[in-house]
C-alpha atoms as a PDB file:
ATOM      1  CA  MET A   1      53.644  51.885 -40.310  1.00  0.00           C
ATOM      2  CA  ARG A   2      53.643  51.441 -36.490  1.00  0.00           C
ATOM      3  CA  ARG A   3      54.868  48.120 -37.079  1.00  0.00           C
ATOM      4  CA  LEU A   4      57.826  49.167 -39.340  1.00  0.00           C
ATOM      5  CA  LEU A   5      58.888  51.843 -36.713  1.00  0.00           C
ATOM      6  CA  LYS A   6      58.515  49.353 -33.850  1.00  0.00           C
ATOM      7  CA  THR A   7      60.566  46.651 -35.701  1.00  0.00           C
ATOM      8  CA  GLY A   8      63.272  49.124 -36.990  1.00  0.00           C
ATOM      9  CA  ALA A   9      62.665  48.075 -40.629  1.00  0.00           C
ATOM     10  CA  ARG A  10      63.057  50.523 -43.236  1.00  0.00           C
ATOM     11  CA  PRO A  11      60.639  50.977 -46.203  1.00  0.00           C
ATOM     12  CA  SER A  12      61.533  49.320 -49.654  1.00  0.00           C
ATOM     13  CA  THR A  13      63.217  51.693 -52.229  1.00  0.00           C
ATOM     14  CA  ASP A  14      60.096  51.457 -54.182  1.00  0.00           C
ATOM     15  CA  SER A  15      57.990  52.714 -51.108  1.00  0.00           C
ATOM     16  CA  CYS A  16      60.277  55.732 -50.515  1.00  0.00           C
ATOM     17  CA  ILE A  17      60.002  56.677 -54.377  1.00  0.00           C
ATOM     18  CA  ALA A  18      56.375  56.384 -54.220  1.00  0.00           C
ATOM     19  CA  LEU A  19      56.319  58.428 -50.893  1.00  0.00           C
ATOM     20  CA  ALA A  20      58.321  61.214 -52.628  1.00  0.00           C
ATOM     21  CA  HIS A  21      56.177  61.394 -55.330  1.00  0.00           C
ATOM     22  CA  TYR A  22      53.000  61.707 -52.966  1.00  0.00           C
ATOM     23  CA  PHE A  23      54.675  64.434 -50.811  1.00  0.00           C
ATOM     24  CA  GLY A  24      56.207  66.282 -53.845  1.00  0.00           C
ATOM     25  CA  ALA A  25      59.731  65.571 -52.623  1.00  0.00           C
ATOM     26  CA  PRO A  26      62.732  64.825 -54.688  1.00  0.00           C
ATOM     27  CA  PRO A  27      63.181  60.738 -54.842  1.00  0.00           C
ATOM     28  CA  ASN A  28      66.751  60.665 -53.828  1.00  0.00           C
ATOM     29  CA  THR A  29      65.949  62.937 -50.765  1.00  0.00           C
ATOM     30  CA  MET A  30      63.677  60.248 -49.466  1.00  0.00           C
ATOM     31  CA  LEU A  31      66.175  57.423 -50.457  1.00  0.00           C
ATOM     32  CA  ALA A  32      68.828  59.028 -48.718  1.00  0.00           C
ATOM     33  CA  LYS A  33      66.623  59.585 -45.398  1.00  0.00           C
ATOM     34  CA  ALA A  34      65.650  55.802 -45.468  1.00  0.00           C
ATOM     35  CA  GLY A  35      69.658  54.801 -45.813  1.00  0.00           C
ATOM     36  CA  TYR A  36      69.688  54.002 -49.538  1.00  0.00           C
ATOM     37  CA  GLN A  37      72.102  55.236 -52.046  1.00  0.00           C
ATOM     38  CA  PRO A  38      70.721  58.244 -54.436  1.00  0.00           C
ATOM     39  CA  ARG A  39      69.809  57.136 -57.918  1.00  0.00           C
ATOM     40  CA  ALA A  40      72.041  59.024 -60.817  1.00  0.00           C
ATOM     41  CA  TYR A  41      68.600  59.414 -62.760  1.00  0.00           C
ATOM     42  CA  TYR A  42      66.884  61.340 -60.465  1.00  0.00           C
ATOM     43  CA  ASP A  43      69.880  63.951 -60.084  1.00  0.00           C
ATOM     44  CA  LEU A  44      68.424  66.770 -62.375  1.00  0.00           C
ATOM     45  CA  SER A  45      71.294  69.194 -61.289  1.00  0.00           C
ATOM     46  CA  LEU A  46      73.657  67.648 -63.765  1.00  0.00           C
ATOM     47  CA  ALA A  47      71.697  68.163 -66.681  1.00  0.00           C
ATOM     48  CA  ASP A  48      71.207  71.238 -68.645  1.00  0.00           C
ATOM     49  CA  PRO A  49      68.437  70.863 -71.061  1.00  0.00           C
ATOM     50  CA  ASN A  50      69.965  73.488 -73.485  1.00  0.00           C
ATOM     51  CA  GLU A  51      72.845  71.285 -74.026  1.00  0.00           C
ATOM     52  CA  TYR A  52      71.039  68.250 -75.168  1.00  0.00           C
ATOM     53  CA  ALA A  53      71.177  67.079 -78.793  1.00  0.00           C
ATOM     54  CA  THR A  54      67.750  67.502 -80.816  1.00  0.00           C
ATOM     55  CA  GLU A  55      66.990  63.957 -80.735  1.00  0.00           C
ATOM     56  CA  VAL A  56      67.471  63.922 -76.962  1.00  0.00           C
ATOM     57  CA  LYS A  57      65.090  66.667 -76.466  1.00  0.00           C
ATOM     58  CA  ALA A  58      62.506  64.881 -78.701  1.00  0.00           C
ATOM     59  CA  VAL A  59      62.818  61.816 -76.436  1.00  0.00           C
ATOM     60  CA  ALA A  60      62.370  64.107 -73.174  1.00  0.00           C
ATOM     61  CA  GLN A  61      59.571  65.727 -74.747  1.00  0.00           C
ATOM     62  CA  GLU A  62      57.641  62.441 -75.323  1.00  0.00           C
ATOM     63  CA  LEU A  63      58.533  61.130 -71.847  1.00  0.00           C
ATOM     64  CA  MET A  64      56.786  64.443 -70.301  1.00  0.00           C
ATOM     65  CA  LYS A  65      53.680  63.745 -72.067  1.00  0.00           C
ATOM     66  CA  ILE A  66      53.150  60.747 -69.714  1.00  0.00           C
ATOM     67  CA  GLY A  67      51.129  62.553 -66.783  1.00  0.00           C
ATOM     68  CA  ASP A  68      51.154  60.033 -64.234  1.00  0.00           C
ATOM     69  CA  PRO A  69      54.416  60.420 -62.402  1.00  0.00           C
ATOM     70  CA  ALA A  70      54.772  56.849 -61.193  1.00  0.00           C
ATOM     71  CA  THR A  71      54.218  55.630 -64.633  1.00  0.00           C
ATOM     72  CA  ARG A  72      56.612  58.111 -66.073  1.00  0.00           C
ATOM     73  CA  GLU A  73      59.052  57.045 -63.606  1.00  0.00           C
ATOM     74  CA  ARG A  74      58.906  53.631 -64.507  1.00  0.00           C
ATOM     75  CA  VAL A  75      59.057  54.376 -68.207  1.00  0.00           C
ATOM     76  CA  CYS A  76      62.184  56.497 -67.813  1.00  0.00           C
ATOM     77  CA  ALA A  77      63.888  53.645 -65.833  1.00  0.00           C
ATOM     78  CA  ALA A  78      63.154  51.424 -68.532  1.00  0.00           C
ATOM     79  CA  VAL A  79      64.648  53.664 -71.202  1.00  0.00           C
ATOM     80  CA  VAL A  80      67.628  54.097 -68.599  1.00  0.00           C
ATOM     81  CA  ARG A  81      68.096  50.248 -68.780  1.00  0.00           C
ATOM     82  CA  LEU A  82      67.625  50.059 -72.427  1.00  0.00           C
ATOM     83  CA  VAL A  83      70.451  52.328 -72.979  1.00  0.00           C
ATOM     84  CA  ARG A  84      72.620  51.056 -70.543  1.00  0.00           C
ATOM     85  CA  GLU A  85      72.077  47.203 -72.154  1.00  0.00           C
ATOM     86  CA  MET A  86      72.783  48.766 -75.476  1.00  0.00           C
ATOM     87  CA  PHE A  87      76.003  49.896 -74.572  1.00  0.00           C
ATOM     88  CA  THR A  88      76.712  46.375 -72.978  1.00  0.00           C
ATOM     89  CA  LEU A  89      75.865  44.555 -76.000  1.00  0.00           C
ATOM     90  CA  THR A  90      77.958  46.956 -78.468  1.00  0.00           C
ATOM     91  CA  GLY A  91      80.925  47.410 -75.946  1.00  0.00           C
ATOM     92  CA  ALA A  92      80.685  51.025 -76.120  1.00  0.00           C
ATOM     93  CA  PRO A  93      81.233  53.235 -73.262  1.00  0.00           C
ATOM     94  CA  ALA A  94      78.199  54.092 -71.256  1.00  0.00           C
ATOM     95  CA  SER A  95      79.585  57.678 -70.242  1.00  0.00           C
END
């Protein structure tokens, strides 16, 4: 760690996210402190679970069964990539 501080290098995005999980901080906060752009899938302020469709709630409930936060994060990121890829392949708008 001292070497990083001496050289002025910043931690990788993965390191920032791991540190956020370790300290119980929101990942976007740690990313921003290191000079990275926040990631939209960590911004839960935009989500109202009461407005989710039944099938979306079912997926979210399954994801919440993953006890390890780092594993859950990787699976969620993979789901987001899968959904975006599906929209890319079909030509449908992603938002």
